[in-house]
Protein backbone atom coordinates (compact mmCIF):
# COMPACT_ATOMS: atom_id res chain seq x y z
CA UNK A 1 0.00 0.00 0.00
CA UNK A 2 2.89 2.38 0.71
CA UNK A 3 3.80 2.40 -3.01
CA UNK A 4 0.37 3.83 -3.88
CA UNK A 5 0.94 6.75 -1.48
CA UNK A 6 4.18 7.95 -3.08
CA UNK A 7 4.38 11.45 -4.50
CA UNK A 8 4.63 11.72 -7.45
CA UNK A 9 2.54 8.61 -8.02
CA UNK A 10 4.41 5.89 -9.93
CA UNK A 11 2.99 3.52 -12.50
CA UNK A 12 2.82 0.24 -10.53
CA UNK A 13 2.88 -3.13 -12.28
CA UNK A 14 2.22 -6.25 -10.22
CA UNK A 15 3.64 -9.45 -11.70
CA UNK A 16 2.67 -12.99 -10.80
CA UNK A 17 -0.40 -15.02 -9.99
CA UNK A 18 0.09 -15.55 -6.27
CA UNK A 19 -3.19 -15.60 -4.32
CA UNK A 20 -4.57 -12.08 -3.87
CA UNK A 21 -2.31 -10.39 -6.44
CA UNK A 22 -5.07 -9.89 -9.00
CA UNK A 23 -7.52 -8.68 -6.35
CA UNK A 24 -4.98 -6.15 -5.07
CA UNK A 25 -4.33 -4.87 -8.58
CA UNK A 26 -8.06 -4.37 -9.18
CA UNK A 27 -8.57 -2.69 -5.80
CA UNK A 28 -5.88 -0.08 -6.45
CA UNK A 29 -6.24 0.18 -10.23
CA UNK A 30 -2.78 -1.22 -10.98
CA UNK A 31 -1.43 -3.01 -14.04
CA UNK A 32 -1.28 -6.77 -13.53
CA UNK A 33 0.73 -9.35 -15.49
CA UNK A 34 -0.22 -12.79 -14.12
CA UNK A 35 1.87 -15.07 -16.35
CA UNK A 36 5.49 -15.20 -15.17
CA UNK A 37 7.96 -18.01 -15.88
CA UNK A 38 8.85 -20.04 -12.78
CA UNK A 39 11.43 -22.68 -11.92
CA UNK A 40 10.76 -26.13 -10.46
CA UNK A 41 10.32 -24.77 -6.89
CA UNK A 42 7.90 -22.06 -8.01
CA UNK A 43 10.27 -19.07 -7.91
CA UNK A 44 9.71 -16.37 -10.57
CA UNK A 45 12.52 -16.10 -13.10
CA UNK A 46 14.49 -12.85 -13.26
CA UNK A 47 14.88 -12.70 -17.04
CA UNK A 48 11.20 -13.22 -17.87
CA UNK A 49 9.88 -10.89 -15.18
CA UNK A 50 12.15 -7.99 -16.14
CA UNK A 51 11.54 -8.48 -19.87
CA UNK A 52 7.77 -8.38 -19.38
CA UNK A 53 8.03 -5.30 -17.17
CA UNK A 54 10.15 -3.46 -19.75
CA UNK A 55 7.54 -4.18 -22.45
CA UNK A 56 4.62 -3.09 -20.26
CA UNK A 57 6.14 0.03 -18.67
CA UNK A 58 5.10 3.43 -20.01
CA UNK A 59 8.16 5.26 -18.68
CA UNK A 60 11.86 5.22 -19.66
CA UNK A 61 12.82 4.70 -16.00
CA UNK A 62 11.83 1.51 -14.20
CA UNK A 63 12.11 0.18 -10.67
CA UNK A 64 11.94 -3.38 -9.38
CA UNK A 65 10.93 -3.64 -5.72
CA UNK A 66 10.47 -6.80 -3.68
CA UNK A 67 6.86 -7.01 -2.53
CA UNK A 68 7.80 -7.02 1.17
CA UNK A 69 9.45 -3.57 0.90
CA UNK A 70 7.80 -0.33 2.05
CA UNK A 71 8.89 2.93 0.40
CA UNK A 72 8.43 6.58 1.38
CA UNK A 73 8.88 9.93 -0.32
CA UNK A 74 12.64 9.95 0.35
CA UNK A 75 12.76 7.32 -2.39
CA UNK A 76 10.98 9.63 -4.85
CA UNK A 77 13.31 12.51 -4.01
CA UNK A 78 16.35 10.32 -4.69
CA UNK A 79 14.92 9.16 -8.02
CA UNK A 80 14.22 12.77 -9.01
CA UNK A 81 17.88 13.64 -8.41
CA UNK A 82 19.41 10.76 -10.36
CA UNK A 83 16.97 10.61 -13.30
CA UNK A 84 18.69 13.58 -14.97
CA UNK A 85 22.02 11.75 -15.20
CA UNK A 86 23.29 11.20 -18.74
CA UNK A 87 23.54 7.63 -19.97
CA UNK A 88 22.24 4.43 -18.38
CA UNK A 89 22.25 4.09 -14.59
CA UNK A 90 21.00 1.92 -11.75
CA UNK A 91 20.15 3.22 -8.27
CA UNK A 92 20.22 0.74 -5.41
CA UNK A 93 20.37 0.84 -1.63
CA UNK A 94 20.60 -1.23 1.52
CA UNK A 95 17.37 -2.19 3.20
CA UNK A 96 16.24 -1.79 6.80
CA UNK A 97 14.83 -4.89 8.54
CA UNK A 98 12.01 -4.53 11.09
CA UNK A 99 9.27 -6.63 12.69
CA UNK A 100 5.82 -5.22 11.90
CA UNK A 101 3.16 -7.03 13.91
CA UNK A 102 0.21 -5.27 12.26
CA UNK A 103 -0.67 -3.38 9.09
CA UNK A 104 0.73 0.13 9.01
CA UNK A 105 -1.79 2.94 8.44
CA UNK A 106 -0.48 4.62 5.28
CA UNK A 107 -3.45 6.99 5.09
CA UNK A 108 -2.76 8.77 8.39
CA UNK A 109 -1.10 12.17 7.62
CA UNK A 110 2.08 11.46 9.64
CA UNK A 111 2.48 7.85 8.53
CA UNK A 112 5.92 8.37 7.00
CA UNK A 113 7.54 10.23 9.87
CA UNK A 114 5.99 7.81 12.38
CA UNK A 115 7.18 4.80 10.37
CA UNK A 116 10.71 6.19 10.11
CA UNK A 117 10.86 6.76 13.88
CA UNK A 118 9.56 3.24 14.49
CA UNK A 119 12.17 1.67 12.20
CA UNK A 120 15.02 3.71 13.71
CA UNK A 121 13.96 2.55 17.18
CA UNK A 122 13.16 -1.08 16.37
CA UNK A 123 14.93 -2.02 13.13
CA UNK A 124 18.42 -2.18 11.71
CA UNK A 125 20.09 -1.44 8.40
CA UNK A 126 21.52 -4.57 6.84
CA UNK A 127 24.87 -5.14 5.15
CA UNK A 128 25.67 -3.65 1.74
CA UNK A 129 24.70 -6.84 -0.10
CA UNK A 130 21.09 -6.64 1.14
CA UNK A 131 19.54 -4.85 -1.85
CA UNK A 132 15.78 -5.07 -2.47
CA UNK A 133 15.11 -2.30 -4.99
CA UNK A 134 16.65 -1.35 -8.33
CA UNK A 135 15.86 1.87 -10.22
CA UNK A 136 17.21 1.62 -13.76
CA UNK A 137 16.96 3.01 -17.25
CA UNK A 138 14.96 0.93 -19.70
CA UNK A 139 17.19 -1.53 -21.49
CA UNK A 140 19.18 -2.68 -18.48
CA UNK A 141 16.43 -5.23 -17.80
CA UNK A 142 17.22 -7.16 -20.97
CA UNK A 143 19.75 -9.92 -21.55
CA UNK A 144 19.49 -11.23 -17.98
CA UNK A 145 20.34 -14.72 -16.77
CA UNK A 146 17.47 -17.06 -15.79
CA UNK A 147 18.05 -16.62 -12.06
CA UNK A 148 15.40 -17.28 -9.41
CA UNK A 149 13.86 -14.35 -7.54
CA UNK A 150 13.36 -14.86 -3.82
CA UNK A 151 16.58 -16.85 -3.64
CA UNK A 152 20.20 -15.74 -3.15
CA UNK A 153 22.68 -14.01 -5.43
CA UNK A 154 20.51 -12.61 -8.20
CA UNK A 155 20.40 -9.12 -6.68
CA UNK A 156 24.16 -8.69 -6.51
CA UNK A 157 24.55 -10.24 -9.97
CA UNK A 158 22.08 -7.64 -11.33
CA UNK A 159 24.31 -4.81 -10.09
CA UNK A 160 27.31 -6.43 -11.79
CA UNK A 161 25.24 -6.79 -14.99
CA UNK A 162 24.45 -3.07 -14.99
CA UNK A 163 28.14 -2.20 -14.54
CA UNK A 164 29.11 -4.64 -17.33
CA UNK A 165 26.74 -2.72 -19.64
CA UNK A 166 28.52 0.55 -18.83
CA UNK A 167 25.84 1.88 -16.47
CA UNK A 168 26.61 4.09 -13.51
CA UNK A 169 25.56 2.52 -10.20
CA UNK A 170 24.39 4.89 -7.46
CA UNK A 171 24.20 3.82 -3.81
CA UNK A 172 21.28 5.66 -2.18
CA UNK A 173 21.54 3.89 1.19
CA UNK A 174 22.24 7.12 3.09
CA UNK A 175 19.15 8.94 1.80
CA UNK A 176 16.52 6.21 1.20
CA UNK A 177 15.00 4.11 3.97
CA UNK A 178 13.72 1.00 2.20
CA UNK A 179 11.87 -0.96 4.88
CA UNK A 180 11.85 -4.74 4.75
CA UNK A 181 9.07 -6.42 6.72
CA UNK A 182 10.63 -9.47 8.37
CA UNK A 183 9.08 -12.81 7.45
CA UNK A 184 9.74 -16.53 7.49
CA UNK A 185 10.84 -18.61 4.50
CA UNK A 186 7.67 -20.62 3.96
CA UNK A 187 7.61 -19.34 0.36
CA UNK A 188 10.21 -22.04 -0.40
CA UNK A 189 9.21 -25.73 -0.05
CA UNK A 190 12.49 -26.38 1.79
CA UNK A 191 12.36 -23.33 4.06
CA UNK A 192 15.33 -21.15 5.02
CA UNK A 193 17.84 -23.98 4.68
CA UNK A 194 16.93 -24.51 1.03
CA UNK A 195 16.90 -20.77 0.26
CA UNK A 196 20.41 -20.17 1.59
CA UNK A 197 22.16 -23.50 1.00
CA UNK A 198 19.99 -25.44 -1.47
CA UNK A 199 20.48 -26.31 -5.12
CA UNK A 200 19.37 -22.87 -6.36
CA UNK A 201 21.85 -21.14 -4.06
CA UNK A 202 24.67 -23.36 -5.30
C-alpha atoms as a PDB file:
ATOM      1  CA  UNK A   1       0.000   0.000   0.000  1.00  0.00           C
ATOM      2  CA  UNK A   2       2.891   2.384   0.714  1.00  0.00           C
ATOM      3  CA  UNK A   3       3.796   2.397  -3.007  1.00  0.00           C
ATOM      4  CA  UNK A   4       0.374   3.826  -3.885  1.00  0.00           C
ATOM      5  CA  UNK A   5       0.945   6.755  -1.481  1.00  0.00           C
ATOM      6  CA  UNK A   6       4.177   7.950  -3.084  1.00  0.00           C
ATOM      7  CA  UNK A   7       4.384  11.454  -4.500  1.00  0.00           C
ATOM      8  CA  UNK A   8       4.630  11.724  -7.448  1.00  0.00           C
ATOM      9  CA  UNK A   9       2.541   8.615  -8.024  1.00  0.00           C
ATOM     10  CA  UNK A  10       4.411   5.894  -9.934  1.00  0.00           C
ATOM     11  CA  UNK A  11       2.993   3.516 -12.496  1.00  0.00           C
ATOM     12  CA  UNK A  12       2.817   0.239 -10.532  1.00  0.00           C
ATOM     13  CA  UNK A  13       2.885  -3.131 -12.282  1.00  0.00           C
ATOM     14  CA  UNK A  14       2.224  -6.253 -10.219  1.00  0.00           C
ATOM     15  CA  UNK A  15       3.639  -9.447 -11.702  1.00  0.00           C
ATOM     16  CA  UNK A  16       2.671 -12.991 -10.801  1.00  0.00           C
ATOM     17  CA  UNK A  17      -0.398 -15.025  -9.987  1.00  0.00           C
ATOM     18  CA  UNK A  18       0.089 -15.550  -6.267  1.00  0.00           C
ATOM     19  CA  UNK A  19      -3.187 -15.597  -4.315  1.00  0.00           C
ATOM     20  CA  UNK A  20      -4.574 -12.077  -3.874  1.00  0.00           C
ATOM     21  CA  UNK A  21      -2.314 -10.392  -6.441  1.00  0.00           C
ATOM     22  CA  UNK A  22      -5.072  -9.887  -8.999  1.00  0.00           C
ATOM     23  CA  UNK A  23      -7.523  -8.680  -6.347  1.00  0.00           C
ATOM     24  CA  UNK A  24      -4.981  -6.145  -5.069  1.00  0.00           C
ATOM     25  CA  UNK A  25      -4.325  -4.867  -8.585  1.00  0.00           C
ATOM     26  CA  UNK A  26      -8.056  -4.367  -9.184  1.00  0.00           C
ATOM     27  CA  UNK A  27      -8.569  -2.686  -5.800  1.00  0.00           C
ATOM     28  CA  UNK A  28      -5.879  -0.078  -6.450  1.00  0.00           C
ATOM     29  CA  UNK A  29      -6.244   0.185 -10.234  1.00  0.00           C
ATOM     30  CA  UNK A  30      -2.780  -1.223 -10.981  1.00  0.00           C
ATOM     31  CA  UNK A  31      -1.435  -3.013 -14.043  1.00  0.00           C
ATOM     32  CA  UNK A  32      -1.284  -6.774 -13.531  1.00  0.00           C
ATOM     33  CA  UNK A  33       0.734  -9.346 -15.487  1.00  0.00           C
ATOM     34  CA  UNK A  34      -0.216 -12.793 -14.123  1.00  0.00           C
ATOM     35  CA  UNK A  35       1.866 -15.071 -16.350  1.00  0.00           C
ATOM     36  CA  UNK A  36       5.490 -15.198 -15.169  1.00  0.00           C
ATOM     37  CA  UNK A  37       7.959 -18.010 -15.875  1.00  0.00           C
ATOM     38  CA  UNK A  38       8.854 -20.040 -12.782  1.00  0.00           C
ATOM     39  CA  UNK A  39      11.430 -22.684 -11.920  1.00  0.00           C
ATOM     40  CA  UNK A  40      10.762 -26.134 -10.457  1.00  0.00           C
ATOM     41  CA  UNK A  41      10.321 -24.772  -6.893  1.00  0.00           C
ATOM     42  CA  UNK A  42       7.901 -22.057  -8.009  1.00  0.00           C
ATOM     43  CA  UNK A  43      10.274 -19.069  -7.912  1.00  0.00           C
ATOM     44  CA  UNK A  44       9.715 -16.372 -10.573  1.00  0.00           C
ATOM     45  CA  UNK A  45      12.520 -16.097 -13.098  1.00  0.00           C
ATOM     46  CA  UNK A  46      14.491 -12.849 -13.258  1.00  0.00           C
ATOM     47  CA  UNK A  47      14.879 -12.697 -17.039  1.00  0.00           C
ATOM     48  CA  UNK A  48      11.203 -13.217 -17.868  1.00  0.00           C
ATOM     49  CA  UNK A  49       9.875 -10.893 -15.178  1.00  0.00           C
ATOM     50  CA  UNK A  50      12.152  -7.986 -16.138  1.00  0.00           C
ATOM     51  CA  UNK A  51      11.540  -8.484 -19.871  1.00  0.00           C
ATOM     52  CA  UNK A  52       7.769  -8.376 -19.384  1.00  0.00           C
ATOM     53  CA  UNK A  53       8.026  -5.302 -17.167  1.00  0.00           C
ATOM     54  CA  UNK A  54      10.148  -3.464 -19.748  1.00  0.00           C
ATOM     55  CA  UNK A  55       7.538  -4.181 -22.447  1.00  0.00           C
ATOM     56  CA  UNK A  56       4.615  -3.089 -20.257  1.00  0.00           C
ATOM     57  CA  UNK A  57       6.144   0.029 -18.669  1.00  0.00           C
ATOM     58  CA  UNK A  58       5.101   3.426 -20.007  1.00  0.00           C
ATOM     59  CA  UNK A  59       8.164   5.260 -18.684  1.00  0.00           C
ATOM     60  CA  UNK A  60      11.865   5.220 -19.663  1.00  0.00           C
ATOM     61  CA  UNK A  61      12.815   4.700 -16.005  1.00  0.00           C
ATOM     62  CA  UNK A  62      11.826   1.513 -14.200  1.00  0.00           C
ATOM     63  CA  UNK A  63      12.105   0.178 -10.670  1.00  0.00           C
ATOM     64  CA  UNK A  64      11.945  -3.378  -9.383  1.00  0.00           C
ATOM     65  CA  UNK A  65      10.931  -3.637  -5.723  1.00  0.00           C
ATOM     66  CA  UNK A  66      10.470  -6.804  -3.684  1.00  0.00           C
ATOM     67  CA  UNK A  67       6.861  -7.015  -2.527  1.00  0.00           C
ATOM     68  CA  UNK A  68       7.804  -7.015   1.173  1.00  0.00           C
ATOM     69  CA  UNK A  69       9.451  -3.570   0.895  1.00  0.00           C
ATOM     70  CA  UNK A  70       7.802  -0.332   2.054  1.00  0.00           C
ATOM     71  CA  UNK A  71       8.888   2.930   0.403  1.00  0.00           C
ATOM     72  CA  UNK A  72       8.433   6.576   1.382  1.00  0.00           C
ATOM     73  CA  UNK A  73       8.875   9.933  -0.320  1.00  0.00           C
ATOM     74  CA  UNK A  74      12.640   9.949   0.348  1.00  0.00           C
ATOM     75  CA  UNK A  75      12.759   7.316  -2.389  1.00  0.00           C
ATOM     76  CA  UNK A  76      10.984   9.634  -4.854  1.00  0.00           C
ATOM     77  CA  UNK A  77      13.310  12.509  -4.014  1.00  0.00           C
ATOM     78  CA  UNK A  78      16.350  10.320  -4.692  1.00  0.00           C
ATOM     79  CA  UNK A  79      14.920   9.158  -8.024  1.00  0.00           C
ATOM     80  CA  UNK A  80      14.215  12.775  -9.014  1.00  0.00           C
ATOM     81  CA  UNK A  81      17.884  13.639  -8.410  1.00  0.00           C
ATOM     82  CA  UNK A  82      19.413  10.755 -10.360  1.00  0.00           C
ATOM     83  CA  UNK A  83      16.975  10.613 -13.302  1.00  0.00           C
ATOM     84  CA  UNK A  84      18.690  13.583 -14.966  1.00  0.00           C
ATOM     85  CA  UNK A  85      22.022  11.746 -15.202  1.00  0.00           C
ATOM     86  CA  UNK A  86      23.287  11.199 -18.741  1.00  0.00           C
ATOM     87  CA  UNK A  87      23.542   7.628 -19.968  1.00  0.00           C
ATOM     88  CA  UNK A  88      22.244   4.433 -18.379  1.00  0.00           C
ATOM     89  CA  UNK A  89      22.249   4.086 -14.594  1.00  0.00           C
ATOM     90  CA  UNK A  90      21.004   1.922 -11.753  1.00  0.00           C
ATOM     91  CA  UNK A  91      20.154   3.221  -8.270  1.00  0.00           C
ATOM     92  CA  UNK A  92      20.224   0.743  -5.405  1.00  0.00           C
ATOM     93  CA  UNK A  93      20.371   0.839  -1.629  1.00  0.00           C
ATOM     94  CA  UNK A  94      20.597  -1.230   1.523  1.00  0.00           C
ATOM     95  CA  UNK A  95      17.366  -2.193   3.202  1.00  0.00           C
ATOM     96  CA  UNK A  96      16.240  -1.790   6.800  1.00  0.00           C
ATOM     97  CA  UNK A  97      14.829  -4.890   8.543  1.00  0.00           C
ATOM     98  CA  UNK A  98      12.015  -4.527  11.093  1.00  0.00           C
ATOM     99  CA  UNK A  99       9.272  -6.628  12.686  1.00  0.00           C
ATOM    100  CA  UNK A 100       5.819  -5.222  11.901  1.00  0.00           C
ATOM    101  CA  UNK A 101       3.158  -7.029  13.914  1.00  0.00           C
ATOM    102  CA  UNK A 102       0.206  -5.274  12.265  1.00  0.00           C
ATOM    103  CA  UNK A 103      -0.670  -3.383   9.090  1.00  0.00           C
ATOM    104  CA  UNK A 104       0.731   0.134   9.006  1.00  0.00           C
ATOM    105  CA  UNK A 105      -1.786   2.936   8.441  1.00  0.00           C
ATOM    106  CA  UNK A 106      -0.481   4.617   5.277  1.00  0.00           C
ATOM    107  CA  UNK A 107      -3.450   6.993   5.094  1.00  0.00           C
ATOM    108  CA  UNK A 108      -2.762   8.769   8.391  1.00  0.00           C
ATOM    109  CA  UNK A 109      -1.101  12.166   7.621  1.00  0.00           C
ATOM    110  CA  UNK A 110       2.077  11.464   9.640  1.00  0.00           C
ATOM    111  CA  UNK A 111       2.482   7.848   8.526  1.00  0.00           C
ATOM    112  CA  UNK A 112       5.924   8.367   6.996  1.00  0.00           C
ATOM    113  CA  UNK A 113       7.541  10.229   9.874  1.00  0.00           C
ATOM    114  CA  UNK A 114       5.994   7.805  12.375  1.00  0.00           C
ATOM    115  CA  UNK A 115       7.184   4.804  10.367  1.00  0.00           C
ATOM    116  CA  UNK A 116      10.714   6.190  10.112  1.00  0.00           C
ATOM    117  CA  UNK A 117      10.863   6.758  13.876  1.00  0.00           C
ATOM    118  CA  UNK A 118       9.557   3.240  14.489  1.00  0.00           C
ATOM    119  CA  UNK A 119      12.173   1.670  12.205  1.00  0.00           C
ATOM    120  CA  UNK A 120      15.023   3.711  13.712  1.00  0.00           C
ATOM    121  CA  UNK A 121      13.962   2.549  17.182  1.00  0.00           C
ATOM    122  CA  UNK A 122      13.158  -1.082  16.372  1.00  0.00           C
ATOM    123  CA  UNK A 123      14.927  -2.020  13.134  1.00  0.00           C
ATOM    124  CA  UNK A 124      18.422  -2.180  11.710  1.00  0.00           C
ATOM    125  CA  UNK A 125      20.086  -1.437   8.404  1.00  0.00           C
ATOM    126  CA  UNK A 126      21.518  -4.569   6.838  1.00  0.00           C
ATOM    127  CA  UNK A 127      24.867  -5.144   5.147  1.00  0.00           C
ATOM    128  CA  UNK A 128      25.675  -3.655   1.744  1.00  0.00           C
ATOM    129  CA  UNK A 129      24.696  -6.840  -0.105  1.00  0.00           C
ATOM    130  CA  UNK A 130      21.089  -6.637   1.145  1.00  0.00           C
ATOM    131  CA  UNK A 131      19.540  -4.846  -1.848  1.00  0.00           C
ATOM    132  CA  UNK A 132      15.782  -5.069  -2.466  1.00  0.00           C
ATOM    133  CA  UNK A 133      15.110  -2.298  -4.989  1.00  0.00           C
ATOM    134  CA  UNK A 134      16.648  -1.353  -8.327  1.00  0.00           C
ATOM    135  CA  UNK A 135      15.861   1.865 -10.219  1.00  0.00           C
ATOM    136  CA  UNK A 136      17.210   1.616 -13.757  1.00  0.00           C
ATOM    137  CA  UNK A 137      16.961   3.015 -17.252  1.00  0.00           C
ATOM    138  CA  UNK A 138      14.956   0.935 -19.697  1.00  0.00           C
ATOM    139  CA  UNK A 139      17.191  -1.527 -21.492  1.00  0.00           C
ATOM    140  CA  UNK A 140      19.183  -2.677 -18.478  1.00  0.00           C
ATOM    141  CA  UNK A 141      16.430  -5.234 -17.800  1.00  0.00           C
ATOM    142  CA  UNK A 142      17.222  -7.159 -20.973  1.00  0.00           C
ATOM    143  CA  UNK A 143      19.751  -9.921 -21.554  1.00  0.00           C
ATOM    144  CA  UNK A 144      19.492 -11.230 -17.982  1.00  0.00           C
ATOM    145  CA  UNK A 145      20.343 -14.720 -16.775  1.00  0.00           C
ATOM    146  CA  UNK A 146      17.473 -17.059 -15.794  1.00  0.00           C
ATOM    147  CA  UNK A 147      18.054 -16.623 -12.057  1.00  0.00           C
ATOM    148  CA  UNK A 148      15.405 -17.282  -9.411  1.00  0.00           C
ATOM    149  CA  UNK A 149      13.862 -14.354  -7.536  1.00  0.00           C
ATOM    150  CA  UNK A 150      13.357 -14.865  -3.822  1.00  0.00           C
ATOM    151  CA  UNK A 151      16.578 -16.853  -3.641  1.00  0.00           C
ATOM    152  CA  UNK A 152      20.195 -15.737  -3.152  1.00  0.00           C
ATOM    153  CA  UNK A 153      22.681 -14.011  -5.431  1.00  0.00           C
ATOM    154  CA  UNK A 154      20.513 -12.612  -8.205  1.00  0.00           C
ATOM    155  CA  UNK A 155      20.395  -9.120  -6.677  1.00  0.00           C
ATOM    156  CA  UNK A 156      24.156  -8.691  -6.507  1.00  0.00           C
ATOM    157  CA  UNK A 157      24.545 -10.239  -9.968  1.00  0.00           C
ATOM    158  CA  UNK A 158      22.084  -7.643 -11.328  1.00  0.00           C
ATOM    159  CA  UNK A 159      24.308  -4.811 -10.087  1.00  0.00           C
ATOM    160  CA  UNK A 160      27.305  -6.431 -11.790  1.00  0.00           C
ATOM    161  CA  UNK A 161      25.240  -6.792 -14.986  1.00  0.00           C
ATOM    162  CA  UNK A 162      24.448  -3.065 -14.990  1.00  0.00           C
ATOM    163  CA  UNK A 163      28.143  -2.203 -14.545  1.00  0.00           C
ATOM    164  CA  UNK A 164      29.105  -4.642 -17.326  1.00  0.00           C
ATOM    165  CA  UNK A 165      26.742  -2.722 -19.635  1.00  0.00           C
ATOM    166  CA  UNK A 166      28.524   0.549 -18.830  1.00  0.00           C
ATOM    167  CA  UNK A 167      25.837   1.877 -16.474  1.00  0.00           C
ATOM    168  CA  UNK A 168      26.611   4.093 -13.508  1.00  0.00           C
ATOM    169  CA  UNK A 169      25.555   2.515 -10.200  1.00  0.00           C
ATOM    170  CA  UNK A 170      24.390   4.891  -7.460  1.00  0.00           C
ATOM    171  CA  UNK A 171      24.198   3.816  -3.808  1.00  0.00           C
ATOM    172  CA  UNK A 172      21.280   5.660  -2.179  1.00  0.00           C
ATOM    173  CA  UNK A 173      21.544   3.891   1.187  1.00  0.00           C
ATOM    174  CA  UNK A 174      22.243   7.124   3.092  1.00  0.00           C
ATOM    175  CA  UNK A 175      19.150   8.938   1.802  1.00  0.00           C
ATOM    176  CA  UNK A 176      16.524   6.215   1.196  1.00  0.00           C
ATOM    177  CA  UNK A 177      14.999   4.114   3.970  1.00  0.00           C
ATOM    178  CA  UNK A 178      13.721   0.999   2.196  1.00  0.00           C
ATOM    179  CA  UNK A 179      11.874  -0.958   4.876  1.00  0.00           C
ATOM    180  CA  UNK A 180      11.848  -4.741   4.752  1.00  0.00           C
ATOM    181  CA  UNK A 181       9.069  -6.418   6.718  1.00  0.00           C
ATOM    182  CA  UNK A 182      10.631  -9.467   8.368  1.00  0.00           C
ATOM    183  CA  UNK A 183       9.082 -12.811   7.449  1.00  0.00           C
ATOM    184  CA  UNK A 184       9.737 -16.534   7.493  1.00  0.00           C
ATOM    185  CA  UNK A 185      10.844 -18.614   4.498  1.00  0.00           C
ATOM    186  CA  UNK A 186       7.669 -20.622   3.965  1.00  0.00           C
ATOM    187  CA  UNK A 187       7.609 -19.344   0.364  1.00  0.00           C
ATOM    188  CA  UNK A 188      10.207 -22.042  -0.397  1.00  0.00           C
ATOM    189  CA  UNK A 189       9.212 -25.728  -0.047  1.00  0.00           C
ATOM    190  CA  UNK A 190      12.487 -26.376   1.791  1.00  0.00           C
ATOM    191  CA  UNK A 191      12.356 -23.325   4.059  1.00  0.00           C
ATOM    192  CA  UNK A 192      15.329 -21.146   5.019  1.00  0.00           C
ATOM    193  CA  UNK A 193      17.844 -23.983   4.684  1.00  0.00           C
ATOM    194  CA  UNK A 194      16.932 -24.507   1.026  1.00  0.00           C
ATOM    195  CA  UNK A 195      16.904 -20.774   0.261  1.00  0.00           C
ATOM    196  CA  UNK A 196      20.406 -20.173   1.594  1.00  0.00           C
ATOM    197  CA  UNK A 197      22.155 -23.503   1.001  1.00  0.00           C
ATOM    198  CA  UNK A 198      19.986 -25.436  -1.470  1.00  0.00           C
ATOM    199  CA  UNK A 199      20.477 -26.311  -5.122  1.00  0.00           C
ATOM    200  CA  UNK A 200      19.366 -22.875  -6.360  1.00  0.00           C
ATOM    201  CA  UNK A 201      21.853 -21.142  -4.061  1.00  0.00           C
ATOM    202  CA  UNK A 202      24.670 -23.364  -5.297  1.00  0.00           C
END
